[in-house]
C-alpha atoms as a PDB file:
ATOM      1  CA  UNK A   1     204.435  85.360 -31.939  1.00  0.00           C
ATOM      2  CA  UNK A   2     200.981  86.018 -30.249  1.00  0.00           C
ATOM      3  CA  UNK A   3     198.989  89.071 -31.243  1.00  0.00           C
ATOM      4  CA  UNK A   4     200.224  90.892 -28.217  1.00  0.00           C
ATOM      5  CA  UNK A   5     202.862  90.645 -25.497  1.00  0.00           C
ATOM      6  CA  UNK A   6     203.246  92.816 -22.427  1.00  0.00           C
ATOM      7  CA  UNK A   7     206.325  92.862 -20.236  1.00  0.00           C
ATOM      8  CA  UNK A   8     206.199  94.088 -16.541  1.00  0.00           C
ATOM      9  CA  UNK A   9     209.124  96.262 -15.493  1.00  0.00           C
ATOM     10  CA  UNK A  10     211.336  99.299 -16.244  1.00  0.00           C
ATOM     11  CA  UNK A  11     211.841 100.107 -19.882  1.00  0.00           C
ATOM     12  CA  UNK A  12     215.618 100.801 -19.679  1.00  0.00           C
ATOM     13  CA  UNK A  13     216.150  97.412 -17.908  1.00  0.00           C
ATOM     14  CA  UNK A  14     214.012  95.321 -20.284  1.00  0.00           C
ATOM     15  CA  UNK A  15     214.652  96.928 -23.666  1.00  0.00           C
ATOM     16  CA  UNK A  16     218.394  95.591 -23.828  1.00  0.00           C
ATOM     17  CA  UNK A  17     217.018  92.094 -23.250  1.00  0.00           C
ATOM     18  CA  UNK A  18     214.703  92.104 -26.322  1.00  0.00           C
ATOM     19  CA  UNK A  19     215.815  91.049 -29.823  1.00  0.00           C
ATOM     20  CA  UNK A  20     212.442  90.899 -31.620  1.00  0.00           C
ATOM     21  CA  UNK A  21     212.464  93.458 -34.639  1.00  0.00           C
ATOM     22  CA  UNK A  22     209.559  95.797 -34.690  1.00  0.00           C
ATOM     23  CA  UNK A  23     208.003  97.939 -37.352  1.00  0.00           C
ATOM     24  CA  UNK A  24     207.266 101.113 -35.431  1.00  0.00           C
ATOM     25  CA  UNK A  25     207.785 102.482 -31.887  1.00  0.00           C
ATOM     26  CA  UNK A  26     204.814 104.457 -30.647  1.00  0.00           C
ATOM     27  CA  UNK A  27     205.019 105.721 -27.073  1.00  0.00           C
ATOM     28  CA  UNK A  28     203.809 108.279 -24.460  1.00  0.00           C
ATOM     29  CA  UNK A  29     206.769 108.608 -22.080  1.00  0.00           C
ATOM     30  CA  UNK A  30     206.278 110.473 -18.768  1.00  0.00           C
ATOM     31  CA  UNK A  31     206.723 114.153 -19.789  1.00  0.00           C
ATOM     32  CA  UNK A  32     208.566 115.202 -16.683  1.00  0.00           C
ATOM     33  CA  UNK A  33     206.997 118.553 -17.268  1.00  0.00           C
ATOM     34  CA  UNK A  34     205.959 121.099 -14.845  1.00  0.00           C
ATOM     35  CA  UNK A  35     207.531 122.347 -11.609  1.00  0.00           C
ATOM     36  CA  UNK A  36     209.513 125.542 -11.622  1.00  0.00           C
ATOM     37  CA  UNK A  37     212.193 124.256  -9.235  1.00  0.00           C
ATOM     38  CA  UNK A  38     213.766 120.874  -8.319  1.00  0.00           C
ATOM     39  CA  UNK A  39     211.844 120.951  -5.024  1.00  0.00           C
ATOM     40  CA  UNK A  40     208.473 121.282  -6.917  1.00  0.00           C
ATOM     41  CA  UNK A  41     209.417 118.576  -9.305  1.00  0.00           C
ATOM     42  CA  UNK A  42     210.513 116.193  -6.525  1.00  0.00           C
ATOM     43  CA  UNK A  43     207.243 116.898  -4.400  1.00  0.00           C
ATOM     44  CA  UNK A  44     204.798 116.602  -7.280  1.00  0.00           C
ATOM     45  CA  UNK A  45     203.453 113.190  -8.418  1.00  0.00           C
ATOM     46  CA  UNK A  46     201.815 112.648 -11.705  1.00  0.00           C
ATOM     47  CA  UNK A  47     198.418 113.043 -10.032  1.00  0.00           C
ATOM     48  CA  UNK A  48     199.453 116.480  -8.779  1.00  0.00           C
ATOM     49  CA  UNK A  49     200.336 117.634 -12.188  1.00  0.00           C
ATOM     50  CA  UNK A  50     197.841 115.925 -14.577  1.00  0.00           C
ATOM     51  CA  UNK A  51     194.682 115.541 -12.491  1.00  0.00           C
ATOM     52  CA  UNK A  52     192.432 118.417 -11.592  1.00  0.00           C
ATOM     53  CA  UNK A  53     191.771 118.932  -7.867  1.00  0.00           C
ATOM     54  CA  UNK A  54     188.104 118.338  -8.247  1.00  0.00           C
ATOM     55  CA  UNK A  55     188.454 115.056 -10.091  1.00  0.00           C
ATOM     56  CA  UNK A  56     186.120 112.337  -8.989  1.00  0.00           C
ATOM     57  CA  UNK A  57     188.332 109.417  -9.730  1.00  0.00           C
ATOM     58  CA  UNK A  58     191.101 107.831  -7.894  1.00  0.00           C
ATOM     59  CA  UNK A  59     193.482 106.634 -10.630  1.00  0.00           C
ATOM     60  CA  UNK A  60     196.830 105.263  -9.739  1.00  0.00           C
ATOM     61  CA  UNK A  61     199.903 107.486  -9.663  1.00  0.00           C
ATOM     62  CA  UNK A  62     203.006 106.379 -11.718  1.00  0.00           C
ATOM     63  CA  UNK A  63     206.769 106.915 -11.236  1.00  0.00           C
ATOM     64  CA  UNK A  64     209.441 108.501 -13.411  1.00  0.00           C
ATOM     65  CA  UNK A  65     207.980 111.995 -13.813  1.00  0.00           C
ATOM     66  CA  UNK A  66     210.274 113.996 -11.595  1.00  0.00           C
ATOM     67  CA  UNK A  67     213.520 114.385 -13.705  1.00  0.00           C
ATOM     68  CA  UNK A  68     215.032 117.707 -14.507  1.00  0.00           C
ATOM     69  CA  UNK A  69     215.505 118.823 -18.113  1.00  0.00           C
ATOM     70  CA  UNK A  70     218.935 117.402 -18.492  1.00  0.00           C
ATOM     71  CA  UNK A  71     218.115 114.137 -16.720  1.00  0.00           C
ATOM     72  CA  UNK A  72     214.884 113.719 -18.986  1.00  0.00           C
ATOM     73  CA  UNK A  73     216.852 114.458 -22.197  1.00  0.00           C
ATOM     74  CA  UNK A  74     219.632 111.843 -21.269  1.00  0.00           C
ATOM     75  CA  UNK A  75     217.127 109.192 -20.060  1.00  0.00           C
ATOM     76  CA  UNK A  76     214.799 109.577 -23.195  1.00  0.00           C
ATOM     77  CA  UNK A  77     217.876 109.497 -25.432  1.00  0.00           C
ATOM     78  CA  UNK A  78     218.862 106.188 -23.925  1.00  0.00           C
ATOM     79  CA  UNK A  79     215.324 104.763 -24.481  1.00  0.00           C
ATOM     80  CA  UNK A  80     215.216 106.053 -28.019  1.00  0.00           C
ATOM     81  CA  UNK A  81     218.700 104.366 -28.792  1.00  0.00           C
ATOM     82  CA  UNK A  82     217.440 101.013 -27.548  1.00  0.00           C
ATOM     83  CA  UNK A  83     214.143 101.313 -29.592  1.00  0.00           C
ATOM     84  CA  UNK A  84     216.222 102.336 -32.554  1.00  0.00           C
ATOM     85  CA  UNK A  85     218.265  99.101 -32.342  1.00  0.00           C
ATOM     86  CA  UNK A  86     215.035  97.086 -32.283  1.00  0.00           C
ATOM     87  CA  UNK A  87     213.339  98.752 -35.295  1.00  0.00           C
ATOM     88  CA  UNK A  88     213.562  97.486 -38.836  1.00  0.00           C
ATOM     89  CA  UNK A  89     215.159  99.903 -41.440  1.00  0.00           C
ATOM     90  CA  UNK A  90     212.411 102.339 -42.567  1.00  0.00           C
ATOM     91  CA  UNK A  91     210.482 101.887 -39.325  1.00  0.00           C
ATOM     92  CA  UNK A  92     208.943 104.924 -37.536  1.00  0.00           C
ATOM     93  CA  UNK A  93     209.116 106.362 -34.032  1.00  0.00           C
ATOM     94  CA  UNK A  94     206.121 108.383 -32.832  1.00  0.00           C
ATOM     95  CA  UNK A  95     206.734 110.052 -29.427  1.00  0.00           C
ATOM     96  CA  UNK A  96     204.269 112.130 -27.478  1.00  0.00           C
ATOM     97  CA  UNK A  97     205.371 115.348 -25.736  1.00  0.00           C
ATOM     98  CA  UNK A  98     204.011 118.667 -24.511  1.00  0.00           C
ATOM     99  CA  UNK A  99     205.068 122.247 -25.310  1.00  0.00           C
ATOM    100  CA  UNK A 100     207.590 122.400 -22.473  1.00  0.00           C
ATOM    101  CA  UNK A 101     209.469 119.187 -23.422  1.00  0.00           C
ATOM    102  CA  UNK A 102     209.223 119.538 -27.166  1.00  0.00           C
ATOM    103  CA  UNK A 103     212.858 120.766 -27.671  1.00  0.00           C
ATOM    104  CA  UNK A 104     214.292 118.209 -25.283  1.00  0.00           C
ATOM    105  CA  UNK A 105     212.291 115.323 -26.883  1.00  0.00           C
ATOM    106  CA  UNK A 106     213.363 116.219 -30.324  1.00  0.00           C
ATOM    107  CA  UNK A 107     217.053 116.293 -29.097  1.00  0.00           C
ATOM    108  CA  UNK A 108     216.657 112.884 -27.420  1.00  0.00           C
ATOM    109  CA  UNK A 109     215.068 111.263 -30.550  1.00  0.00           C
ATOM    110  CA  UNK A 110     217.923 112.463 -32.670  1.00  0.00           C
ATOM    111  CA  UNK A 111     220.536 111.431 -29.970  1.00  0.00           C
ATOM    112  CA  UNK A 112     219.059 108.001 -30.058  1.00  0.00           C
ATOM    113  CA  UNK A 113     219.886 107.732 -33.832  1.00  0.00           C
ATOM    114  CA  UNK A 114     216.484 108.544 -35.408  1.00  0.00           C
ATOM    115  CA  UNK A 115     216.128 110.829 -38.314  1.00  0.00           C
ATOM    116  CA  UNK A 116     213.619 113.553 -37.242  1.00  0.00           C
ATOM    117  CA  UNK A 117     210.789 113.812 -39.861  1.00  0.00           C
ATOM    118  CA  UNK A 118     208.378 116.337 -38.227  1.00  0.00           C
ATOM    119  CA  UNK A 119     205.756 117.290 -35.623  1.00  0.00           C
ATOM    120  CA  UNK A 120     202.052 116.156 -35.626  1.00  0.00           C
ATOM    121  CA  UNK A 121     200.028 118.503 -33.419  1.00  0.00           C
ATOM    122  CA  UNK A 122     197.234 116.736 -31.224  1.00  0.00           C
ATOM    123  CA  UNK A 123     194.307 119.015 -30.527  1.00  0.00           C
ATOM    124  CA  UNK A 124     192.337 118.317 -27.424  1.00  0.00           C
ATOM    125  CA  UNK A 125     188.821 119.928 -27.579  1.00  0.00           C
ATOM    126  CA  UNK A 126     188.304 119.209 -23.826  1.00  0.00           C
ATOM    127  CA  UNK A 127     191.208 120.889 -22.105  1.00  0.00           C
ATOM    128  CA  UNK A 128     192.323 123.231 -19.209  1.00  0.00           C
ATOM    129  CA  UNK A 129     191.789 126.844 -19.557  1.00  0.00           C
ATOM    130  CA  UNK A 130     194.566 129.282 -18.514  1.00  0.00           C
ATOM    131  CA  UNK A 131     193.719 132.280 -16.492  1.00  0.00           C
ATOM    132  CA  UNK A 132     194.529 135.516 -18.498  1.00  0.00           C
ATOM    133  CA  UNK A 133     196.214 133.292 -21.109  1.00  0.00           C
ATOM    134  CA  UNK A 134     195.825 130.793 -23.744  1.00  0.00           C
ATOM    135  CA  UNK A 135     194.098 127.367 -23.296  1.00  0.00           C
ATOM    136  CA  UNK A 136     196.500 124.400 -23.234  1.00  0.00           C
ATOM    137  CA  UNK A 137     194.610 122.335 -25.815  1.00  0.00           C
ATOM    138  CA  UNK A 138     197.472 120.966 -27.778  1.00  0.00           C
ATOM    139  CA  UNK A 139     200.154 118.291 -27.357  1.00  0.00           C
ATOM    140  CA  UNK A 140     202.463 116.946 -29.944  1.00  0.00           C
ATOM    141  CA  UNK A 141     203.674 113.792 -31.664  1.00  0.00           C
ATOM    142  CA  UNK A 142     207.255 113.740 -32.825  1.00  0.00           C
ATOM    143  CA  UNK A 143     208.011 111.569 -35.926  1.00  0.00           C
ATOM    144  CA  UNK A 144     211.371 110.032 -36.546  1.00  0.00           C
ATOM    145  CA  UNK A 145     212.427 107.202 -38.812  1.00  0.00           C
ATOM    146  CA  UNK A 146     215.308 104.668 -39.105  1.00  0.00           C
ATOM    147  CA  UNK A 147     216.854 105.820 -42.322  1.00  0.00           C
ATOM    148  CA  UNK A 148     214.344 106.449 -45.251  1.00  0.00           C
ATOM    149  CA  UNK A 149     210.737 105.906 -44.383  1.00  0.00           C
ATOM    150  CA  UNK A 150     209.108 102.603 -45.368  1.00  0.00           C
ATOM    151  CA  UNK A 151     207.336 102.842 -48.644  1.00  0.00           C
ATOM    152  CA  UNK A 152     203.919 101.247 -48.031  1.00  0.00           C
ATOM    153  CA  UNK A 153     202.083  99.246 -50.587  1.00  0.00           C
ATOM    154  CA  UNK A 154     199.508 100.428 -51.223  1.00  0.00           C
ATOM    155  CA  UNK A 155     200.666 103.977 -50.474  1.00  0.00           C
ATOM    156  CA  UNK A 156     199.267 105.511 -47.324  1.00  0.00           C
ATOM    157  CA  UNK A 157     198.521 109.212 -46.632  1.00  0.00           C
ATOM    158  CA  UNK A 158     198.217 109.862 -42.835  1.00  0.00           C
ATOM    159  CA  UNK A 159     196.885 113.051 -41.242  1.00  0.00           C
ATOM    160  CA  UNK A 160     199.195 115.780 -40.075  1.00  0.00           C
ATOM    161  CA  UNK A 161     196.705 116.947 -37.499  1.00  0.00           C
ATOM    162  CA  UNK A 162     195.073 114.883 -34.699  1.00  0.00           C
ATOM    163  CA  UNK A 163     191.987 115.612 -32.764  1.00  0.00           C
ATOM    164  CA  UNK A 164     190.324 113.893 -29.767  1.00  0.00           C
ATOM    165  CA  UNK A 165     190.003 114.432 -26.096  1.00  0.00           C
ATOM    166  CA  UNK A 166     190.922 112.095 -23.204  1.00  0.00           C
ATOM    167  CA  UNK A 167     188.376 109.567 -22.215  1.00  0.00           C
ATOM    168  CA  UNK A 168     186.141 110.684 -19.416  1.00  0.00           C
ATOM    169  CA  UNK A 169     184.052 109.020 -16.752  1.00  0.00           C
ATOM    170  CA  UNK A 170     184.302 105.231 -16.475  1.00  0.00           C
ATOM    171  CA  UNK A 171     186.174 105.088 -19.904  1.00  0.00           C
ATOM    172  CA  UNK A 172     189.166 106.696 -18.324  1.00  0.00           C
ATOM    173  CA  UNK A 173     191.491 104.182 -16.710  1.00  0.00           C
ATOM    174  CA  UNK A 174     194.881 105.972 -16.670  1.00  0.00           C
ATOM    175  CA  UNK A 175     195.812 109.532 -15.552  1.00  0.00           C
ATOM    176  CA  UNK A 176     197.428 110.441 -19.102  1.00  0.00           C
ATOM    177  CA  UNK A 177     195.349 108.040 -21.210  1.00  0.00           C
ATOM    178  CA  UNK A 178     195.179 108.819 -24.879  1.00  0.00           C
ATOM    179  CA  UNK A 179     192.058 108.434 -27.104  1.00  0.00           C
ATOM    180  CA  UNK A 180     191.850 105.233 -29.027  1.00  0.00           C
ATOM    181  CA  UNK A 181     190.730 106.967 -32.286  1.00  0.00           C
ATOM    182  CA  UNK A 182     193.782 109.118 -32.110  1.00  0.00           C
ATOM    183  CA  UNK A 183     196.184 106.048 -31.549  1.00  0.00           C
ATOM    184  CA  UNK A 184     194.386 104.230 -34.403  1.00  0.00           C
ATOM    185  CA  UNK A 185     195.611 106.803 -36.847  1.00  0.00           C
ATOM    186  CA  UNK A 186     199.106 106.630 -35.632  1.00  0.00           C
ATOM    187  CA  UNK A 187     199.557 102.847 -35.610  1.00  0.00           C
ATOM    188  CA  UNK A 188     198.908 102.752 -39.251  1.00  0.00           C
ATOM    189  CA  UNK A 189     202.421 103.980 -39.752  1.00  0.00           C
ATOM    190  CA  UNK A 190     203.359 100.206 -39.368  1.00  0.00           C
ATOM    191  CA  UNK A 191     202.409  97.943 -42.247  1.00  0.00           C
ATOM    192  CA  UNK A 192     199.323  95.682 -41.880  1.00  0.00           C
ATOM    193  CA  UNK A 193     200.426  92.770 -39.606  1.00  0.00           C
ATOM    194  CA  UNK A 194     203.494  94.641 -38.500  1.00  0.00           C
ATOM    195  CA  UNK A 195     204.598  94.816 -34.831  1.00  0.00           C
ATOM    196  CA  UNK A 196     204.210  98.000 -32.803  1.00  0.00           C
ATOM    197  CA  UNK A 197     206.454  98.567 -29.733  1.00  0.00           C
ATOM    198  CA  UNK A 198     205.346 100.718 -26.809  1.00  0.00           C
ATOM    199  CA  UNK A 199     207.963 100.881 -24.019  1.00  0.00           C
ATOM    200  CA  UNK A 200     205.566 102.869 -21.820  1.00  0.00           C
ATOM    201  CA  UNK A 201     202.381 100.965 -22.340  1.00  0.00           C
ATOM    202  CA  UNK A 202     200.323 102.475 -19.526  1.00  0.00           C
ATOM    203  CA  UNK A 203     196.727 101.096 -19.725  1.00  0.00           C
ATOM    204  CA  UNK A 204     197.478  99.630 -23.134  1.00  0.00           C
ATOM    205  CA  UNK A 205     195.842 102.082 -25.452  1.00  0.00           C
ATOM    206  CA  UNK A 206     198.528 101.844 -28.168  1.00  0.00           C
ATOM    207  CA  UNK A 207     198.021  97.987 -28.102  1.00  0.00           C
ATOM    208  CA  UNK A 208     194.256  98.260 -28.305  1.00  0.00           C
ATOM    209  CA  UNK A 209     194.555 100.478 -31.216  1.00  0.00           C
ATOM    210  CA  UNK A 210     197.198  98.289 -32.952  1.00  0.00           C
ATOM    211  CA  UNK A 211     195.032  95.234 -32.589  1.00  0.00           C
ATOM    212  CA  UNK A 212     192.019  97.040 -33.909  1.00  0.00           C
ATOM    213  CA  UNK A 213     193.987  97.987 -36.963  1.00  0.00           C
ATOM    214  CA  UNK A 214     195.322  94.503 -37.755  1.00  0.00           C
ATOM    215  CA  UNK A 215     198.722  95.069 -36.223  1.00  0.00           C
ATOM    216  CA  UNK A 216     200.609  93.080 -33.483  1.00  0.00           C
ATOM    217  CA  UNK A 217     201.713  94.750 -30.209  1.00  0.00           C
ATOM    218  CA  UNK A 218     204.643  94.431 -27.893  1.00  0.00           C
ATOM    219  CA  UNK A 219     204.644  96.603 -24.728  1.00  0.00           C
ATOM    220  CA  UNK A 220     206.589  97.291 -21.483  1.00  0.00           C
ATOM    221  CA  UNK A 221     204.808  98.839 -18.429  1.00  0.00           C
ATOM    222  CA  UNK A 222     206.498  99.713 -15.162  1.00  0.00           C
ATOM    223  CA  UNK A 223     203.419 100.083 -12.959  1.00  0.00           C
ATOM    224  CA  UNK A 224     201.890  96.768 -11.803  1.00  0.00           C
ATOM    225  CA  UNK A 225     198.533  98.387 -11.386  1.00  0.00           C
ATOM    226  CA  UNK A 226     198.451  99.818 -14.957  1.00  0.00           C
ATOM    227  CA  UNK A 227     200.126  96.677 -16.282  1.00  0.00           C
ATOM    228  CA  UNK A 228     197.146  94.576 -14.982  1.00  0.00           C
ATOM    229  CA  UNK A 229     194.707  97.014 -16.536  1.00  0.00           C
ATOM    230  CA  UNK A 230     196.465  96.978 -19.867  1.00  0.00           C
ATOM    231  CA  UNK A 231     196.455  93.065 -19.980  1.00  0.00           C
ATOM    232  CA  UNK A 232     192.758  93.157 -19.354  1.00  0.00           C
ATOM    233  CA  UNK A 233     192.138  95.648 -22.158  1.00  0.00           C
ATOM    234  CA  UNK A 234     194.447  93.899 -24.612  1.00  0.00           C
ATOM    235  CA  UNK A 235     192.757  90.535 -23.870  1.00  0.00           C
ATOM    236  CA  UNK A 236     189.383  92.037 -24.533  1.00  0.00           C
ATOM    237  CA  UNK A 237     190.638  93.835 -27.725  1.00  0.00           C
ATOM    238  CA  UNK A 238     192.172  90.428 -29.084  1.00  0.00           C
END
């Protein structure tokens, strides 16, 4: 198998066609967060929700971020069931979420068959202030395993707290791009040389981190624009 493979298309369409066993699933699904009503959710694209009005970039929008709470939970549960099928016993799932979708995400992970192991907070030093309230400077990574967690040799001790802000300026190539240093810590949950699956690859940051840490990468991305960006970044990283 090559060091990395990226499939273009919808995750729920492509995952059932795969049979390659993976060692870890690490993903940042569309949060489907925000919007007080169905009308708001349907009218707001990802750019409307995640990009400041004064932003100087024109990064591409992406689909799949307008589900209501029940639809999101059901959809993510189906995704997690498919990734569970593809994961070796002892493998881990690490799923990003925000405060609004944390309960729904934990339900979906467990509905997919995973044993829920805990929450890893991700602190973002550069974050949006909230008028007359508390700054939204934290997102979360939910950890689940297929059965008992893999016993690494040698034993590893990973952090229970992540810190890093989204890339800025020319380094930012995706609306919800995660920092490579944060992702490099997460991919270590897979053994050296192991295969990391990301069914929402975006601009390929999970894969870039996996390759940097001596892991292999298998990704799926629905957006042709971001898929091309991911291929360029993965080729450069490899």
